[in-house]
PDB file of N, CA and C in Angstrom:
ATOM      1  N   MET A   1      54.384   4.675  11.044  1.00  0.00           N
ATOM      2  CA  MET A   1      53.030   4.159  11.086  1.00  0.00           C
ATOM      3  C   MET A   1      52.238   4.768   9.935  1.00  0.00           C
ATOM      4  N   ASP A   2      51.552   3.942   9.170  1.00  0.00           N
ATOM      5  CA  ASP A   2      50.736   4.405   8.053  1.00  0.00           C
ATOM      6  C   ASP A   2      49.407   4.940   8.554  1.00  0.00           C
ATOM      7  N   LEU A   3      48.950   6.018   7.916  1.00  0.00           N
ATOM      8  CA  LEU A   3      47.644   6.579   8.240  1.00  0.00           C
ATOM      9  C   LEU A   3      46.573   5.815   7.473  1.00  0.00           C
ATOM     10  N   PRO A   4      45.387   5.698   8.025  1.00  0.00           N
ATOM     11  CA  PRO A   4      44.306   5.013   7.290  1.00  0.00           C
ATOM     12  C   PRO A   4      43.951   5.774   6.023  1.00  0.00           C
ATOM     13  N   GLU A   5      43.578   5.037   5.003  1.00  0.00           N
ATOM     14  CA  GLU A   5      43.237   5.659   3.723  1.00  0.00           C
ATOM     15  C   GLU A   5      41.801   6.129   3.674  1.00  0.00           C
ATOM     16  N   THR A   6      40.987   5.706   4.616  1.00  0.00           N
ATOM     17  CA  THR A   6      39.589   6.125   4.603  1.00  0.00           C
ATOM     18  C   THR A   6      39.479   7.541   5.140  1.00  0.00           C
ATOM     19  N   PRO A   7      38.563   8.334   4.590  1.00  0.00           N
ATOM     20  CA  PRO A   7      38.386   9.692   5.060  1.00  0.00           C
ATOM     21  C   PRO A   7      37.812   9.715   6.470  1.00  0.00           C
ATOM     22  N   SER A   8      37.869  10.869   7.082  1.00  0.00           N
ATOM     23  CA  SER A   8      37.363  11.050   8.434  1.00  0.00           C
ATOM     24  C   SER A   8      35.898  10.665   8.516  1.00  0.00           C
ATOM     25  N   PRO A   9      35.508   9.910   9.562  1.00  0.00           N
ATOM     26  CA  PRO A   9      34.093   9.547   9.700  1.00  0.00           C
ATOM     27  C   PRO A   9      33.221  10.752  10.049  1.00  0.00           C
ATOM     28  N   MET A  10      33.830  11.886  10.298  1.00  0.00           N
ATOM     29  CA  MET A  10      33.067  13.071  10.645  1.00  0.00           C
ATOM     30  C   MET A  10      32.434  13.725   9.413  1.00  0.00           C
ATOM     31  N   ILE A  11      32.841  13.322   8.238  1.00  0.00           N
ATOM     32  CA  ILE A  11      32.286  13.900   7.009  1.00  0.00           C
ATOM     33  C   ILE A  11      31.006  13.153   6.648  1.00  0.00           C
ATOM     34  N   ASP A  12      29.975  13.910   6.325  1.00  0.00           N
ATOM     35  CA  ASP A  12      28.672  13.365   5.958  1.00  0.00           C
ATOM     36  C   ASP A  12      28.840  12.323   4.850  1.00  0.00           C
ATOM     37  N   PRO A  13      28.336  11.094   5.064  1.00  0.00           N
ATOM     38  CA  PRO A  13      28.481  10.043   4.052  1.00  0.00           C
ATOM     39  C   PRO A  13      27.915  10.418   2.690  1.00  0.00           C
ATOM     40  N   GLU A  14      26.838  11.200   2.662  1.00  0.00           N
ATOM     41  CA  GLU A  14      26.272  11.627   1.379  1.00  0.00           C
ATOM     42  C   GLU A  14      27.280  12.481   0.606  1.00  0.00           C
ATOM     43  N   LEU A  15      28.015  13.334   1.331  1.00  0.00           N
ATOM     44  CA  LEU A  15      29.038  14.146   0.677  1.00  0.00           C
ATOM     45  C   LEU A  15      30.151  13.266   0.126  1.00  0.00           C
ATOM     46  N   LEU A  16      30.542  12.261   0.896  1.00  0.00           N
ATOM     47  CA  LEU A  16      31.591  11.353   0.426  1.00  0.00           C
ATOM     48  C   LEU A  16      31.150  10.607  -0.824  1.00  0.00           C
ATOM     49  N   ASP A  17      29.892  10.173  -0.851  1.00  0.00           N
ATOM     50  CA  ASP A  17      29.363   9.486  -2.039  1.00  0.00           C
ATOM     51  C   ASP A  17      29.382  10.408  -3.258  1.00  0.00           C
ATOM     52  N   ASN A  18      28.944  11.646  -3.059  1.00  0.00           N
ATOM     53  CA  ASN A  18      28.931  12.609  -4.166  1.00  0.00           C
ATOM     54  C   ASN A  18      30.340  12.923  -4.639  1.00  0.00           C
ATOM     55  N   ALA A  19      31.265  13.055  -3.698  1.00  0.00           N
ATOM     56  CA  ALA A  19      32.659  13.327  -4.063  1.00  0.00           C
ATOM     57  C   ALA A  19      33.220  12.176  -4.883  1.00  0.00           C
ATOM     58  N   ALA A  20      32.959  10.958  -4.462  1.00  0.00           N
ATOM     59  CA  ALA A  20      33.445   9.789  -5.203  1.00  0.00           C
ATOM     60  C   ALA A  20      32.825   9.747  -6.600  1.00  0.00           C
ATOM     61  N   ARG A  21      31.535  10.036  -6.677  1.00  0.00           N
ATOM     62  CA  ARG A  21      30.837  10.028  -7.972  1.00  0.00           C
ATOM     63  C   ARG A  21      31.444  11.034  -8.940  1.00  0.00           C
ATOM     64  N   LEU A  22      31.885  12.180  -8.390  1.00  0.00           N
ATOM     65  CA  LEU A  22      32.453  13.233  -9.229  1.00  0.00           C
ATOM     66  C   LEU A  22      33.969  13.146  -9.365  1.00  0.00           C
ATOM     67  N   GLY A  23      34.571  12.136  -8.721  1.00  0.00           N
ATOM     68  CA  GLY A  23      36.016  11.951  -8.828  1.00  0.00           C
ATOM     69  C   GLY A  23      36.820  12.916  -7.976  1.00  0.00           C
ATOM     70  N   LEU A  24      36.227  13.445  -6.928  1.00  0.00           N
ATOM     71  CA  LEU A  24      36.904  14.399  -6.047  1.00  0.00           C
ATOM     72  C   LEU A  24      37.604  13.650  -4.924  1.00  0.00           C
ATOM     73  N   SER A  25      38.887  13.859  -4.794  1.00  0.00           N
ATOM     74  CA  SER A  25      39.644  13.274  -3.689  1.00  0.00           C
ATOM     75  C   SER A  25      39.391  14.113  -2.441  1.00  0.00           C
ATOM     76  N   VAL A  26      39.003  13.460  -1.348  1.00  0.00           N
ATOM     77  CA  VAL A  26      38.691  14.182  -0.115  1.00  0.00           C
ATOM     78  C   VAL A  26      39.796  14.038   0.934  1.00  0.00           C
ATOM     79  N   GLU A  27      40.869  13.416   0.555  1.00  0.00           N
ATOM     80  CA  GLU A  27      41.959  13.193   1.506  1.00  0.00           C
ATOM     81  C   GLU A  27      42.464  14.524   2.057  1.00  0.00           C
ATOM     82  N   GLY A  28      42.474  14.630   3.371  1.00  0.00           N
ATOM     83  CA  GLY A  28      42.977  15.820   4.030  1.00  0.00           C
ATOM     84  C   GLY A  28      42.018  17.002   4.047  1.00  0.00           C
ATOM     85  N   LEU A  29      40.801  16.816   3.547  1.00  0.00           N
ATOM     86  CA  LEU A  29      39.836  17.913   3.506  1.00  0.00           C
ATOM     87  C   LEU A  29      38.871  17.837   4.679  1.00  0.00           C
ATOM     88  N   SER A  30      38.469  18.977   5.157  1.00  0.00           N
ATOM     89  CA  SER A  30      37.409  19.038   6.168  1.00  0.00           C
ATOM     90  C   SER A  30      36.075  18.906   5.457  1.00  0.00           C
ATOM     91  N   GLU A  31      35.010  18.683   6.235  1.00  0.00           N
ATOM     92  CA  GLU A  31      33.683  18.600   5.627  1.00  0.00           C
ATOM     93  C   GLU A  31      33.341  19.907   4.931  1.00  0.00           C
ATOM     94  N   ARG A  32      33.719  21.023   5.536  1.00  0.00           N
ATOM     95  CA  ARG A  32      33.454  22.337   4.930  1.00  0.00           C
ATOM     96  C   ARG A  32      34.120  22.439   3.561  1.00  0.00           C
ATOM     97  N   ASP A  33      35.388  22.017   3.486  1.00  0.00           N
ATOM     98  CA  ASP A  33      36.106  22.080   2.211  1.00  0.00           C
ATOM     99  C   ASP A  33      35.486  21.157   1.163  1.00  0.00           C
ATOM    100  N   VAL A  34      35.047  19.971   1.598  1.00  0.00           N
ATOM    101  CA  VAL A  34      34.389  19.051   0.670  1.00  0.00           C
ATOM    102  C   VAL A  34      33.120  19.695   0.132  1.00  0.00           C
ATOM    103  N   ARG A  35      32.323  20.305   1.024  1.00  0.00           N
ATOM    104  CA  ARG A  35      31.086  20.976   0.588  1.00  0.00           C
ATOM    105  C   ARG A  35      31.384  22.076  -0.432  1.00  0.00           C
ATOM    106  N   LEU A  36      32.399  22.895  -0.146  1.00  0.00           N
ATOM    107  CA  LEU A  36      32.730  23.998  -1.054  1.00  0.00           C
ATOM    108  C   LEU A  36      33.190  23.489  -2.414  1.00  0.00           C
ATOM    109  N   ARG A  37      33.998  22.447  -2.415  1.00  0.00           N
ATOM    110  CA  ARG A  37      34.471  21.913  -3.702  1.00  0.00           C
ATOM    111  C   ARG A  37      33.339  21.255  -4.481  1.00  0.00           C
ATOM    112  N   LEU A  38      32.459  20.552  -3.768  1.00  0.00           N
ATOM    113  CA  LEU A  38      31.308  19.960  -4.454  1.00  0.00           C
ATOM    114  C   LEU A  38      30.401  21.036  -5.021  1.00  0.00           C
ATOM    115  N   GLN A  39      30.269  22.131  -4.285  1.00  0.00           N
ATOM    116  CA  GLN A  39      29.429  23.231  -4.752  1.00  0.00           C
ATOM    117  C   GLN A  39      29.964  23.796  -6.060  1.00  0.00           C
ATOM    118  N   ARG A  40      31.294  23.887  -6.168  1.00  0.00           N
ATOM    119  CA  ARG A  40      31.900  24.395  -7.412  1.00  0.00           C
ATOM    120  C   ARG A  40      31.771  23.381  -8.547  1.00  0.00           C
ATOM    121  N   LEU A  41      31.936  22.085  -8.217  1.00  0.00           N
ATOM    122  CA  LEU A  41      31.881  21.052  -9.247  1.00  0.00           C
ATOM    123  C   LEU A  41      30.461  20.754  -9.718  1.00  0.00           C
ATOM    124  N   ASP A  42      29.505  20.832  -8.792  1.00  0.00           N
ATOM    125  CA  ASP A  42      28.131  20.425  -9.083  1.00  0.00           C
ATOM    126  C   ASP A  42      27.147  21.373  -8.403  1.00  0.00           C
ATOM    127  N   PRO A  43      27.031  22.619  -8.916  1.00  0.00           N
ATOM    128  CA  PRO A  43      26.149  23.594  -8.268  1.00  0.00           C
ATOM    129  C   PRO A  43      24.697  23.123  -8.160  1.00  0.00           C
ATOM    130  N   ALA A  44      24.194  22.451  -9.178  1.00  0.00           N
ATOM    131  CA  ALA A  44      22.808  21.984  -9.137  1.00  0.00           C
ATOM    132  C   ALA A  44      22.622  20.959  -8.031  1.00  0.00           C
ATOM    133  N   GLY A  45      23.595  20.087  -7.840  1.00  0.00           N
ATOM    134  CA  GLY A  45      23.516  19.091  -6.771  1.00  0.00           C
ATOM    135  C   GLY A  45      23.538  19.748  -5.405  1.00  0.00           C
ATOM    136  N   SER A  46      24.323  20.804  -5.252  1.00  0.00           N
ATOM    137  CA  SER A  46      24.381  21.529  -3.982  1.00  0.00           C
ATOM    138  C   SER A  46      23.057  22.198  -3.678  1.00  0.00           C
ATOM    139  N   GLU A  47      22.451  22.780  -4.699  1.00  0.00           N
ATOM    140  CA  GLU A  47      21.146  23.419  -4.504  1.00  0.00           C
ATOM    141  C   GLU A  47      20.086  22.388  -4.139  1.00  0.00           C
ATOM    142  N   ALA A  48      20.149  21.230  -4.772  1.00  0.00           N
ATOM    143  CA  ALA A  48      19.186  20.171  -4.466  1.00  0.00           C
ATOM    144  C   ALA A  48      19.363  19.691  -3.024  1.00  0.00           C
ATOM    145  N   ARG A  49      20.617  19.537  -2.573  1.00  0.00           N
ATOM    146  CA  ARG A  49      20.867  19.136  -1.182  1.00  0.00           C
ATOM    147  C   ARG A  49      20.337  20.183  -0.221  1.00  0.00           C
ATOM    148  N   ALA A  50      20.538  21.460  -0.535  1.00  0.00           N
ATOM    149  CA  ALA A  50      20.063  22.540   0.338  1.00  0.00           C
ATOM    150  C   ALA A  50      18.540  22.546   0.413  1.00  0.00           C
ATOM    151  N   ARG A  51      17.875  22.358  -0.726  1.00  0.00           N
ATOM    152  CA  ARG A  51      16.407  22.296  -0.730  1.00  0.00           C
ATOM    153  C   ARG A  51      15.909  21.106   0.076  1.00  0.00           C
ATOM    154  N   ARG A  52      16.554  19.957  -0.110  1.00  0.00           N
ATOM    155  CA  ARG A  52      16.155  18.752   0.614  1.00  0.00           C
ATOM    156  C   ARG A  52      16.346  18.945   2.123  1.00  0.00           C
ATOM    157  N   TRP A  53      17.470  19.565   2.520  1.00  0.00           N
ATOM    158  CA  TRP A  53      17.726  19.828   3.937  1.00  0.00           C
ATOM    159  C   TRP A  53      16.628  20.730   4.505  1.00  0.00           C
ATOM    160  N   ALA A  54      16.288  21.782   3.777  1.00  0.00           N
ATOM    161  CA  ALA A  54      15.251  22.709   4.245  1.00  0.00           C
ATOM    162  C   ALA A  54      13.911  21.995   4.384  1.00  0.00           C
ATOM    163  N   GLU A  55      13.577  21.125   3.443  1.00  0.00           N
ATOM    164  CA  GLU A  55      12.326  20.372   3.520  1.00  0.00           C
ATOM    165  C   GLU A  55      12.336  19.408   4.707  1.00  0.00           C
ATOM    166  N   GLU A  56      13.452  18.709   4.893  1.00  0.00           N
ATOM    167  CA  GLU A  56      13.550  17.737   5.983  1.00  0.00           C
ATOM    168  C   GLU A  56      13.500  18.412   7.353  1.00  0.00           C
ATOM    169  N   ASN A  57      13.942  19.653   7.434  1.00  0.00           N
ATOM    170  CA  ASN A  57      14.026  20.353   8.713  1.00  0.00           C
ATOM    171  C   ASN A  57      12.984  21.456   8.867  1.00  0.00           C
ATOM    172  N   ALA A  58      12.004  21.497   7.971  1.00  0.00           N
ATOM    173  CA  ALA A  58      11.014  22.573   7.973  1.00  0.00           C
ATOM    174  C   ALA A  58      10.255  22.650   9.297  1.00  0.00           C
ATOM    175  N   GLU A  59       9.875  21.518   9.847  1.00  0.00           N
ATOM    176  CA  GLU A  59       9.111  21.523  11.098  1.00  0.00           C
ATOM    177  C   GLU A  59       9.950  22.083  12.249  1.00  0.00           C
ATOM    178  N   ALA A  60      11.200  21.657  12.359  1.00  0.00           N
ATOM    179  CA  ALA A  60      12.075  22.162  13.423  1.00  0.00           C
ATOM    180  C   ALA A  60      12.318  23.658  13.254  1.00  0.00           C
ATOM    181  N   ILE A  61      12.481  24.111  12.027  1.00  0.00           N
ATOM    182  CA  ILE A  61      12.692  25.536  11.760  1.00  0.00           C
ATOM    183  C   ILE A  61      11.447  26.321  12.158  1.00  0.00           C
ATOM    184  N   ARG A  62      10.285  25.796  11.808  1.00  0.00           N
ATOM    185  CA  ARG A  62       9.028  26.467  12.159  1.00  0.00           C
ATOM    186  C   ARG A  62       8.870  26.566  13.677  1.00  0.00           C
ATOM    187  N   LEU A  63       9.137  25.467  14.379  1.00  0.00           N
ATOM    188  CA  LEU A  63       9.019  25.467  15.844  1.00  0.00           C
ATOM    189  C   LEU A  63      10.014  26.436  16.484  1.00  0.00           C
ATOM    190  N   ASN A  64      11.213  26.483  15.962  1.00  0.00           N
ATOM    191  CA  ASN A  64      12.211  27.416  16.492  1.00  0.00           C
ATOM    192  C   ASN A  64      11.777  28.859  16.256  1.00  0.00           C
ATOM    193  N   ASN A  65      11.281  29.152  15.072  1.00  0.00           N
ATOM    194  CA  ASN A  65      10.826  30.513  14.777  1.00  0.00           C
ATOM    195  C   ASN A  65       9.677  30.923  15.694  1.00  0.00           C
ATOM    196  N   GLU A  66       8.766  29.986  15.967  1.00  0.00           N
ATOM    197  CA  GLU A  66       7.665  30.288  16.887  1.00  0.00           C
ATOM    198  C   GLU A  66       8.187  30.562  18.300  1.00  0.00           C
ATOM    199  N   ALA A  67       9.158  29.776  18.747  1.00  0.00           N
ATOM    200  CA  ALA A  67       9.734  29.969  20.079  1.00  0.00           C
ATOM    201  C   ALA A  67      10.429  31.326  20.175  1.00  0.00           C
ATOM    202  N   VAL A  68      11.124  31.729  19.131  1.00  0.00           N
ATOM    203  CA  VAL A  68      11.793  33.035  19.124  1.00  0.00           C
ATOM    204  C   VAL A  68      10.758  34.155  19.173  1.00  0.00           C
ATOM    205  N   LYS A  69       9.653  33.991  18.465  1.00  0.00           N
ATOM    206  CA  LYS A  69       8.594  35.007  18.502  1.00  0.00           C
ATOM    207  C   LYS A  69       8.007  35.141  19.911  1.00  0.00           C
ATOM    208  N   ARG A  70       7.831  34.000  20.582  1.00  0.00           N
ATOM    209  CA  ARG A  70       7.245  34.012  21.928  1.00  0.00           C
ATOM    210  C   ARG A  70       8.223  34.531  22.990  1.00  0.00           C
ATOM    211  N   ARG A  71       9.471  34.037  22.932  1.00  0.00           N
ATOM    212  CA  ARG A  71      10.419  34.318  24.015  1.00  0.00           C
ATOM    213  C   ARG A  71      11.548  35.265  23.634  1.00  0.00           C
ATOM    214  N   GLY A  72      11.695  35.549  22.355  1.00  0.00           N
ATOM    215  CA  GLY A  72      12.840  36.335  21.902  1.00  0.00           C
ATOM    216  C   GLY A  72      14.047  35.434  21.722  1.00  0.00           C
ATOM    217  N   VAL A  73      15.134  36.015  21.265  1.00  0.00           N
ATOM    218  CA  VAL A  73      16.342  35.221  21.029  1.00  0.00           C
ATOM    219  C   VAL A  73      17.074  34.981  22.332  1.00  0.00           C
ATOM    220  N   PHE A  74      17.777  33.865  22.399  1.00  0.00           N
ATOM    221  CA  PHE A  74      18.536  33.516  23.589  1.00  0.00           C
ATOM    222  C   PHE A  74      19.575  34.590  23.889  1.00  0.00           C
ATOM    223  N   GLY A  75      19.604  35.038  25.128  1.00  0.00           N
ATOM    224  CA  GLY A  75      20.598  36.009  25.557  1.00  0.00           C
ATOM    225  C   GLY A  75      20.248  37.447  25.259  1.00  0.00           C
ATOM    226  N   ALA A  76      19.076  37.712  24.707  1.00  0.00           N
ATOM    227  CA  ALA A  76      18.703  39.084  24.353  1.00  0.00           C
ATOM    228  C   ALA A  76      18.704  39.969  25.584  1.00  0.00           C
ATOM    229  N   ASP A  77      18.363  39.413  26.739  1.00  0.00           N
ATOM    230  CA  ASP A  77      18.336  40.190  27.973  1.00  0.00           C
ATOM    231  C   ASP A  77      19.730  40.571  28.462  1.00  0.00           C
ATOM    232  N   LEU A  78      20.751  39.916  27.939  1.00  0.00           N
ATOM    233  CA  LEU A  78      22.133  40.193  28.348  1.00  0.00           C
ATOM    234  C   LEU A  78      22.825  41.213  27.454  1.00  0.00           C
ATOM    235  N   ARG A  79      22.247  41.485  26.303  1.00  0.00           N
ATOM    236  CA  ARG A  79      22.861  42.429  25.365  1.00  0.00           C
ATOM    237  C   ARG A  79      22.797  43.848  25.899  1.00  0.00           C
ATOM    238  N   ARG A  80      23.832  44.613  25.617  1.00  0.00           N
ATOM    239  CA  ARG A  80      23.889  46.009  26.051  1.00  0.00           C
ATOM    240  C   ARG A  80      23.768  46.977  24.873  1.00  0.00           C
ATOM    241  N   TRP A  81      23.474  46.482  23.690  1.00  0.00           N
ATOM    242  CA  TRP A  81      23.327  47.362  22.534  1.00  0.00           C
ATOM    243  C   TRP A  81      21.927  47.367  22.028  1.00  0.00           C
TER     244      TRP A  81
END
């Protein structure tokens, strides 16, 4: 039985587009491996993606930080150190 030639749908489509643009074969790679290889091939693009992610998620990050300040981190009451 032949395996499908399309990469795993679990990999972020934006990463797949960038990999194709840069000529990177993603066959057999995990999303983590694709990210690492793209980072080596296109460091500026990786930094831009990271900045964009931080901007897109700034509100959620702010709300989470406020919740941690109010309630502490999850499971802190269970720690013995």
